[in-house]
Amino acid sequence: MMSARKNSRGQQGFNLIELMIVMAIIGLIIGVGALAWSAMIRSGNEAAATGTIDRIRTYQAQYASRNKGKFGTFDDLIRVSGLDEQFSGERPVVNGYVFTMTVEEPSDARPGFYSINADPQVAEGVTRTGTRHFYTDSSLSTIKATDENRPAKADDPAI
């Protein structure tokens, strides 16, 4: 007896359903991989931001010890302490984070002061560069962080 499904030309290969299933599986793998890749990028940007803040704190301590308690701007730290050139300007963007630093001159009544914020360049959506916001200042010995979509401040929890 002959089978009801007979390959008249003796051809072998995949039928359309099998090809569509394979393509769907490949698409699913690519979709999951893209999400994992973007999460890994965000995590790396956040780690780089905290490391950078820590380095800037060290540079500020060195700068203040040489300049009678006065803290430096990004440009001062580039020129004197060896901070990377990509930090030049008022609000440099490095590794997906926007860095902002305020510096106050010392006076008779108050010592010098600086504060640093690091906020994601893109905080929401698929293309976000980070989810956490970071803060430190000259009176803190830690880095503060928040997951809320706002700049971190001194009373946020330490990381």
N, C-alpha and C. Protein backbone atom coordinates (compact mmCIF):
# COMPACT_ATOMS: atom_id res chain seq x y z
N MET A 1 0.81 -1.17 0.00
CA MET A 1 0.00 0.00 0.00
C MET A 1 0.86 1.24 0.00
N MET A 2 0.41 2.22 -0.69
CA MET A 2 1.16 3.45 -0.77
C MET A 2 0.63 4.44 0.26
N SER A 3 1.50 5.24 0.75
CA SER A 3 1.15 6.27 1.72
C SER A 3 0.32 7.34 1.05
N ALA A 4 -0.58 7.98 1.83
CA ALA A 4 -1.42 9.04 1.29
C ALA A 4 -0.57 10.27 0.95
N ARG A 5 0.53 10.45 1.67
CA ARG A 5 1.41 11.59 1.40
C ARG A 5 2.64 11.05 0.70
N LYS A 6 2.74 11.34 -0.55
CA LYS A 6 3.84 10.82 -1.34
C LYS A 6 4.62 11.97 -1.93
N ASN A 7 5.91 11.92 -1.79
CA ASN A 7 6.77 12.94 -2.36
C ASN A 7 7.07 12.52 -3.78
N SER A 8 6.44 13.18 -4.74
CA SER A 8 6.51 12.73 -6.12
C SER A 8 7.89 12.86 -6.73
N ARG A 9 8.67 13.80 -6.33
CA ARG A 9 9.98 13.98 -6.95
C ARG A 9 11.12 13.46 -6.08
N GLY A 10 10.82 12.96 -4.93
CA GLY A 10 11.86 12.46 -4.05
C GLY A 10 12.63 13.57 -3.36
N GLN A 11 12.03 14.78 -3.28
CA GLN A 11 12.72 15.89 -2.64
C GLN A 11 12.57 15.78 -1.13
N GLN A 12 13.63 16.20 -0.46
CA GLN A 12 13.60 16.22 1.00
C GLN A 12 13.94 17.63 1.46
N GLY A 13 13.44 18.03 2.61
CA GLY A 13 13.71 19.37 3.12
C GLY A 13 12.67 19.76 4.14
N PHE A 14 12.63 21.04 4.44
CA PHE A 14 11.70 21.56 5.43
C PHE A 14 10.45 22.06 4.73
N ASN A 15 9.32 21.88 5.40
CA ASN A 15 8.12 22.49 4.86
C ASN A 15 7.96 23.88 5.49
N LEU A 16 7.00 24.63 5.07
CA LEU A 16 6.82 26.01 5.48
C LEU A 16 6.58 26.15 6.98
N ILE A 17 5.81 25.28 7.56
CA ILE A 17 5.52 25.32 9.00
C ILE A 17 6.80 25.15 9.81
N GLU A 18 7.63 24.20 9.43
CA GLU A 18 8.88 23.97 10.15
C GLU A 18 9.79 25.19 10.06
N LEU A 19 9.88 25.81 8.90
CA LEU A 19 10.70 27.02 8.75
C LEU A 19 10.17 28.17 9.60
N MET A 20 8.86 28.32 9.66
CA MET A 20 8.28 29.39 10.47
C MET A 20 8.54 29.17 11.95
N ILE A 21 8.49 27.92 12.40
CA ILE A 21 8.77 27.62 13.81
C ILE A 21 10.23 27.94 14.15
N VAL A 22 11.14 27.57 13.29
CA VAL A 22 12.56 27.86 13.51
C VAL A 22 12.78 29.37 13.55
N MET A 23 12.16 30.11 12.63
CA MET A 23 12.32 31.56 12.62
C MET A 23 11.74 32.20 13.88
N ALA A 24 10.63 31.69 14.38
CA ALA A 24 10.03 32.21 15.61
C ALA A 24 10.94 31.97 16.80
N ILE A 25 11.55 30.80 16.87
CA ILE A 25 12.48 30.49 17.97
C ILE A 25 13.70 31.41 17.91
N ILE A 26 14.24 31.62 16.74
CA ILE A 26 15.40 32.51 16.60
C ILE A 26 15.02 33.93 17.00
N GLY A 27 13.85 34.39 16.60
CA GLY A 27 13.38 35.72 16.99
C GLY A 27 13.22 35.86 18.49
N LEU A 28 12.71 34.84 19.14
CA LEU A 28 12.55 34.84 20.59
C LEU A 28 13.91 34.91 21.28
N ILE A 29 14.87 34.15 20.81
CA ILE A 29 16.22 34.17 21.39
C ILE A 29 16.85 35.55 21.23
N ILE A 30 16.70 36.16 20.06
CA ILE A 30 17.25 37.50 19.83
C ILE A 30 16.58 38.52 20.75
N GLY A 31 15.25 38.43 20.91
CA GLY A 31 14.53 39.36 21.78
C GLY A 31 14.99 39.27 23.22
N VAL A 32 15.13 38.08 23.76
CA VAL A 32 15.60 37.89 25.13
C VAL A 32 17.04 38.35 25.26
N GLY A 33 17.85 38.06 24.28
CA GLY A 33 19.25 38.48 24.32
C GLY A 33 19.40 39.99 24.30
N ALA A 34 18.56 40.68 23.53
CA ALA A 34 18.63 42.14 23.46
C ALA A 34 18.26 42.77 24.80
N LEU A 35 17.25 42.21 25.47
CA LEU A 35 16.89 42.72 26.80
C LEU A 35 18.00 42.51 27.80
N ALA A 36 18.60 41.34 27.78
CA ALA A 36 19.70 41.06 28.70
C ALA A 36 20.90 41.95 28.40
N TRP A 37 21.16 42.20 27.12
CA TRP A 37 22.29 43.05 26.73
C TRP A 37 22.08 44.48 27.24
N SER A 38 20.88 45.03 27.08
CA SER A 38 20.64 46.39 27.53
C SER A 38 20.70 46.49 29.06
N ALA A 39 20.25 45.46 29.77
CA ALA A 39 20.36 45.45 31.24
C ALA A 39 21.82 45.41 31.66
N MET A 40 22.63 44.67 30.92
CA MET A 40 24.05 44.60 31.23
C MET A 40 24.73 45.95 30.99
N ILE A 41 24.36 46.64 29.92
CA ILE A 41 24.91 47.96 29.63
C ILE A 41 24.54 48.94 30.73
N ARG A 42 23.29 48.95 31.16
CA ARG A 42 22.84 49.84 32.24
C ARG A 42 23.62 49.56 33.52
N SER A 43 23.78 48.31 33.84
CA SER A 43 24.51 47.94 35.06
C SER A 43 25.96 48.40 34.98
N GLY A 44 26.57 48.23 33.82
CA GLY A 44 27.96 48.69 33.63
C GLY A 44 28.08 50.20 33.74
N ASN A 45 27.11 50.94 33.17
CA ASN A 45 27.12 52.40 33.27
C ASN A 45 27.01 52.85 34.73
N GLU A 46 26.15 52.18 35.50
CA GLU A 46 25.97 52.53 36.90
C GLU A 46 27.24 52.25 37.71
N ALA A 47 27.88 51.12 37.45
CA ALA A 47 29.13 50.80 38.14
C ALA A 47 30.23 51.81 37.77
N ALA A 48 30.28 52.20 36.51
CA ALA A 48 31.28 53.20 36.08
C ALA A 48 31.00 54.54 36.73
N ALA A 49 29.74 54.92 36.89
CA ALA A 49 29.40 56.20 37.51
C ALA A 49 29.83 56.23 38.97
N THR A 50 29.59 55.16 39.71
CA THR A 50 30.01 55.15 41.12
C THR A 50 31.53 55.15 41.24
N GLY A 51 32.20 54.42 40.36
CA GLY A 51 33.66 54.42 40.38
C GLY A 51 34.22 55.80 40.05
N THR A 52 33.59 56.49 39.12
CA THR A 52 34.03 57.83 38.74
C THR A 52 33.83 58.80 39.89
N ILE A 53 32.68 58.73 40.55
CA ILE A 53 32.43 59.61 41.70
C ILE A 53 33.48 59.37 42.78
N ASP A 54 33.80 58.12 43.02
CA ASP A 54 34.82 57.80 44.02
C ASP A 54 36.18 58.38 43.65
N ARG A 55 36.55 58.29 42.37
CA ARG A 55 37.82 58.87 41.91
C ARG A 55 37.81 60.39 42.05
N ILE A 56 36.70 61.02 41.71
CA ILE A 56 36.61 62.48 41.83
C ILE A 56 36.74 62.89 43.29
N ARG A 57 36.17 62.14 44.20
CA ARG A 57 36.32 62.44 45.63
C ARG A 57 37.79 62.41 46.03
N THR A 58 38.51 61.42 45.53
CA THR A 58 39.95 61.34 45.83
C THR A 58 40.69 62.53 45.25
N TYR A 59 40.40 62.89 44.00
CA TYR A 59 41.04 64.03 43.36
C TYR A 59 40.71 65.33 44.10
N GLN A 60 39.47 65.47 44.58
CA GLN A 60 39.10 66.67 45.32
C GLN A 60 39.88 66.77 46.63
N ALA A 61 40.06 65.66 47.32
CA ALA A 61 40.84 65.67 48.57
C ALA A 61 42.28 66.09 48.29
N GLN A 62 42.86 65.55 47.23
CA GLN A 62 44.23 65.93 46.87
C GLN A 62 44.31 67.40 46.49
N TYR A 63 43.35 67.88 45.71
CA TYR A 63 43.32 69.27 45.26
C TYR A 63 43.19 70.21 46.46
N ALA A 64 42.29 69.89 47.38
CA ALA A 64 42.06 70.73 48.55
C ALA A 64 43.29 70.78 49.45
N SER A 65 44.00 69.67 49.57
CA SER A 65 45.20 69.67 50.41
C SER A 65 46.31 70.56 49.85
N ARG A 66 46.32 70.76 48.54
CA ARG A 66 47.32 71.62 47.88
C ARG A 66 46.87 73.07 47.75
N ASN A 67 45.57 73.32 47.94
CA ASN A 67 45.02 74.65 47.67
C ASN A 67 44.27 75.24 48.87
N LYS A 68 44.78 75.03 50.07
CA LYS A 68 44.26 75.64 51.30
C LYS A 68 42.76 75.40 51.51
N GLY A 69 42.31 74.18 51.25
CA GLY A 69 40.92 73.81 51.50
C GLY A 69 39.95 74.16 50.39
N LYS A 70 40.44 74.72 49.32
CA LYS A 70 39.58 75.07 48.19
C LYS A 70 39.44 73.85 47.28
N PHE A 71 38.22 73.57 46.83
CA PHE A 71 37.96 72.46 45.93
C PHE A 71 37.96 72.94 44.49
N GLY A 72 38.22 72.03 43.56
CA GLY A 72 38.34 72.40 42.16
C GLY A 72 37.14 72.00 41.33
N THR A 73 37.00 72.64 40.18
CA THR A 73 35.98 72.29 39.20
C THR A 73 36.47 71.11 38.38
N PHE A 74 35.63 70.62 37.48
CA PHE A 74 36.08 69.54 36.59
C PHE A 74 37.34 69.95 35.83
N ASP A 75 37.34 71.17 35.29
CA ASP A 75 38.50 71.62 34.52
C ASP A 75 39.76 71.73 35.37
N ASP A 76 39.61 72.17 36.64
CA ASP A 76 40.75 72.22 37.56
C ASP A 76 41.31 70.82 37.80
N LEU A 77 40.42 69.87 38.02
CA LEU A 77 40.85 68.50 38.31
C LEU A 77 41.51 67.86 37.09
N ILE A 78 41.05 68.21 35.89
CA ILE A 78 41.69 67.69 34.67
C ILE A 78 43.11 68.23 34.57
N ARG A 79 43.24 69.52 34.81
CA ARG A 79 44.54 70.18 34.66
C ARG A 79 45.55 69.73 35.72
N VAL A 80 45.11 69.56 36.96
CA VAL A 80 46.04 69.33 38.06
C VAL A 80 46.10 67.88 38.53
N SER A 81 44.96 67.22 38.61
CA SER A 81 44.90 65.91 39.28
C SER A 81 44.89 64.71 38.35
N GLY A 82 44.72 64.91 37.07
CA GLY A 82 44.73 63.78 36.16
C GLY A 82 43.36 63.21 35.84
N LEU A 83 42.29 63.97 36.12
CA LEU A 83 40.96 63.53 35.71
C LEU A 83 40.92 63.48 34.19
N ASP A 84 40.21 62.51 33.64
CA ASP A 84 40.15 62.31 32.20
C ASP A 84 39.58 63.53 31.48
N GLU A 85 40.08 63.81 30.28
CA GLU A 85 39.67 64.96 29.47
C GLU A 85 38.18 64.97 29.14
N GLN A 86 37.54 63.81 29.11
CA GLN A 86 36.13 63.77 28.76
C GLN A 86 35.24 64.43 29.81
N PHE A 87 35.81 64.81 30.95
CA PHE A 87 35.06 65.49 32.00
C PHE A 87 35.13 67.01 31.90
N SER A 88 35.63 67.54 30.79
CA SER A 88 35.73 68.99 30.67
C SER A 88 34.34 69.60 30.48
N GLY A 89 34.18 70.81 30.99
CA GLY A 89 32.91 71.52 30.86
C GLY A 89 32.09 71.49 32.13
N GLU A 90 30.90 72.05 32.02
CA GLU A 90 30.01 72.17 33.18
C GLU A 90 29.26 70.88 33.50
N ARG A 91 28.76 70.21 32.48
CA ARG A 91 27.95 69.00 32.66
C ARG A 91 28.42 67.90 31.70
N PRO A 92 29.57 67.30 31.99
CA PRO A 92 30.06 66.27 31.07
C PRO A 92 29.18 65.02 31.09
N VAL A 93 29.11 64.36 29.95
CA VAL A 93 28.37 63.10 29.81
C VAL A 93 29.41 62.01 29.56
N VAL A 94 29.50 61.07 30.49
CA VAL A 94 30.48 59.99 30.41
C VAL A 94 29.79 58.68 30.72
N ASN A 95 29.94 57.69 29.86
CA ASN A 95 29.36 56.35 30.05
C ASN A 95 27.86 56.42 30.34
N GLY A 96 27.14 57.26 29.61
CA GLY A 96 25.70 57.32 29.76
C GLY A 96 25.20 58.09 30.97
N TYR A 97 26.09 58.76 31.70
CA TYR A 97 25.70 59.53 32.88
C TYR A 97 26.13 60.98 32.72
N VAL A 98 25.27 61.89 33.17
CA VAL A 98 25.56 63.32 33.17
C VAL A 98 26.06 63.68 34.56
N PHE A 99 27.27 64.22 34.64
CA PHE A 99 27.88 64.59 35.90
C PHE A 99 27.73 66.10 36.11
N THR A 100 27.31 66.47 37.32
CA THR A 100 27.18 67.87 37.68
C THR A 100 27.91 68.08 39.00
N MET A 101 28.73 69.14 39.06
CA MET A 101 29.46 69.42 40.29
C MET A 101 29.28 70.89 40.65
N THR A 102 28.96 71.14 41.91
CA THR A 102 28.94 72.51 42.42
C THR A 102 30.08 72.65 43.41
N VAL A 103 30.74 73.79 43.35
CA VAL A 103 31.88 74.05 44.23
C VAL A 103 31.65 75.39 44.91
N GLU A 104 31.80 75.42 46.24
CA GLU A 104 31.69 76.66 47.00
C GLU A 104 33.05 76.98 47.61
N GLU A 105 33.44 78.23 47.51
CA GLU A 105 34.72 78.69 48.04
C GLU A 105 34.70 78.67 49.57
N PRO A 106 35.83 78.40 50.20
CA PRO A 106 35.88 78.49 51.67
C PRO A 106 35.80 79.95 52.11
N SER A 107 35.25 80.15 53.29
CA SER A 107 35.19 81.49 53.88
C SER A 107 35.61 81.38 55.34
N ASP A 108 35.63 82.51 56.03
CA ASP A 108 36.01 82.49 57.45
C ASP A 108 35.00 81.69 58.27
N ALA A 109 33.74 81.72 57.86
CA ALA A 109 32.69 81.06 58.62
C ALA A 109 32.45 79.61 58.20
N ARG A 110 32.94 79.24 57.02
CA ARG A 110 32.58 77.92 56.50
C ARG A 110 33.71 77.37 55.64
N PRO A 111 33.99 76.07 55.76
CA PRO A 111 35.02 75.49 54.88
C PRO A 111 34.50 75.35 53.46
N GLY A 112 35.41 75.07 52.53
CA GLY A 112 35.01 74.82 51.15
C GLY A 112 34.07 73.63 51.06
N PHE A 113 33.29 73.60 49.99
CA PHE A 113 32.29 72.55 49.84
C PHE A 113 32.15 72.21 48.37
N TYR A 114 31.91 70.93 48.08
CA TYR A 114 31.56 70.52 46.73
C TYR A 114 30.49 69.44 46.82
N SER A 115 29.69 69.33 45.77
CA SER A 115 28.74 68.22 45.65
C SER A 115 28.78 67.73 44.22
N ILE A 116 28.55 66.44 44.04
CA ILE A 116 28.56 65.81 42.72
C ILE A 116 27.28 65.00 42.56
N ASN A 117 26.61 65.21 41.43
CA ASN A 117 25.47 64.39 41.05
C ASN A 117 25.83 63.67 39.76
N ALA A 118 25.40 62.42 39.66
CA ALA A 118 25.52 61.65 38.42
C ALA A 118 24.13 61.11 38.11
N ASP A 119 23.57 61.58 37.00
CA ASP A 119 22.22 61.20 36.60
C ASP A 119 22.27 60.55 35.23
N PRO A 120 21.42 59.53 35.00
CA PRO A 120 21.41 58.88 33.67
C PRO A 120 21.12 59.90 32.57
N GLN A 121 21.81 59.76 31.47
CA GLN A 121 21.56 60.63 30.32
C GLN A 121 20.14 60.41 29.80
N VAL A 122 19.71 59.16 29.76
CA VAL A 122 18.33 58.79 29.40
C VAL A 122 17.84 57.90 30.54
N ALA A 123 16.87 58.39 31.31
CA ALA A 123 16.44 57.69 32.52
C ALA A 123 15.25 56.76 32.31
N GLU A 124 14.55 56.87 31.19
CA GLU A 124 13.36 56.06 30.99
C GLU A 124 13.34 55.48 29.59
N GLY A 125 12.57 54.42 29.42
CA GLY A 125 12.38 53.84 28.11
C GLY A 125 13.36 52.72 27.80
N VAL A 126 13.28 52.24 26.60
CA VAL A 126 14.10 51.12 26.16
C VAL A 126 15.57 51.52 26.05
N THR A 127 15.82 52.77 25.68
CA THR A 127 17.20 53.22 25.46
C THR A 127 17.83 53.85 26.70
N ARG A 128 17.25 53.63 27.86
CA ARG A 128 17.80 54.27 29.07
C ARG A 128 19.23 53.81 29.32
N THR A 129 20.02 54.74 29.84
CA THR A 129 21.44 54.47 30.07
C THR A 129 21.71 54.10 31.52
N GLY A 130 20.71 54.19 32.36
CA GLY A 130 20.83 53.82 33.76
C GLY A 130 19.50 54.06 34.45
N THR A 131 19.34 53.51 35.63
CA THR A 131 18.10 53.71 36.38
C THR A 131 18.36 54.39 37.72
N ARG A 132 19.58 54.35 38.20
CA ARG A 132 19.91 54.91 39.51
C ARG A 132 20.57 56.28 39.37
N HIS A 133 20.29 57.15 40.33
CA HIS A 133 20.87 58.49 40.39
C HIS A 133 21.80 58.52 41.61
N PHE A 134 22.96 59.16 41.48
CA PHE A 134 23.98 59.12 42.54
C PHE A 134 24.33 60.53 43.01
N TYR A 135 24.80 60.62 44.28
CA TYR A 135 25.17 61.90 44.88
C TYR A 135 26.26 61.68 45.92
N THR A 136 27.14 62.64 46.02
CA THR A 136 28.06 62.72 47.15
C THR A 136 28.47 64.17 47.31
N ASP A 137 29.00 64.49 48.49
CA ASP A 137 29.54 65.83 48.70
C ASP A 137 30.71 65.75 49.67
N SER A 138 31.33 66.90 49.92
CA SER A 138 32.55 66.91 50.72
C SER A 138 32.31 66.55 52.18
N SER A 139 31.07 66.58 52.65
CA SER A 139 30.79 66.23 54.04
C SER A 139 30.44 64.76 54.22
N LEU A 140 30.29 64.03 53.13
CA LEU A 140 29.90 62.62 53.20
C LEU A 140 31.11 61.72 52.96
N SER A 141 31.05 60.55 53.55
CA SER A 141 32.10 59.56 53.28
C SER A 141 31.59 58.42 52.41
N THR A 142 30.36 58.55 51.93
CA THR A 142 29.76 57.52 51.09
C THR A 142 29.12 58.15 49.86
N ILE A 143 28.65 57.29 48.98
CA ILE A 143 27.88 57.72 47.81
C ILE A 143 26.43 57.37 48.08
N LYS A 144 25.54 58.33 47.87
CA LYS A 144 24.11 58.13 48.07
C LYS A 144 23.47 57.82 46.72
N ALA A 145 22.35 57.09 46.74
CA ALA A 145 21.70 56.70 45.49
C ALA A 145 20.20 56.62 45.67
N THR A 146 19.49 56.79 44.56
CA THR A 146 18.04 56.60 44.54
C THR A 146 17.64 55.95 43.23
N ASP A 147 16.58 55.14 43.29
CA ASP A 147 16.01 54.53 42.10
C ASP A 147 14.87 55.38 41.54
N GLU A 148 14.46 56.41 42.29
CA GLU A 148 13.40 57.29 41.83
C GLU A 148 13.93 58.13 40.67
N ASN A 149 13.04 58.59 39.83
CA ASN A 149 13.46 59.36 38.66
C ASN A 149 13.64 60.83 39.05
N ARG A 150 14.67 61.10 39.87
CA ARG A 150 15.03 62.44 40.31
C ARG A 150 16.50 62.40 40.73
N PRO A 151 17.14 63.56 40.77
CA PRO A 151 18.54 63.57 41.24
C PRO A 151 18.61 63.09 42.70
N ALA A 152 19.66 62.37 43.00
CA ALA A 152 19.87 61.91 44.37
C ALA A 152 20.29 63.09 45.24
N LYS A 153 20.13 62.94 46.54
CA LYS A 153 20.52 64.00 47.47
C LYS A 153 21.10 63.39 48.73
N ALA A 154 21.55 64.24 49.64
CA ALA A 154 22.31 63.78 50.80
C ALA A 154 21.52 62.86 51.72
N ASP A 155 20.20 62.99 51.79
CA ASP A 155 19.44 62.13 52.71
C ASP A 155 18.93 60.83 52.09
N ASP A 156 19.34 60.52 50.86
CA ASP A 156 19.04 59.23 50.26
C ASP A 156 19.92 58.15 50.88
N PRO A 157 19.54 56.88 50.74
CA PRO A 157 20.35 55.81 51.33
C PRO A 157 21.72 55.66 50.63
N ALA A 158 22.70 55.24 51.41
CA ALA A 158 24.04 54.99 50.87
C ALA A 158 24.07 53.68 50.12
N ILE A 159 24.98 53.59 49.15
CA ILE A 159 25.10 52.33 48.41
C ILE A 159 26.11 51.43 49.08
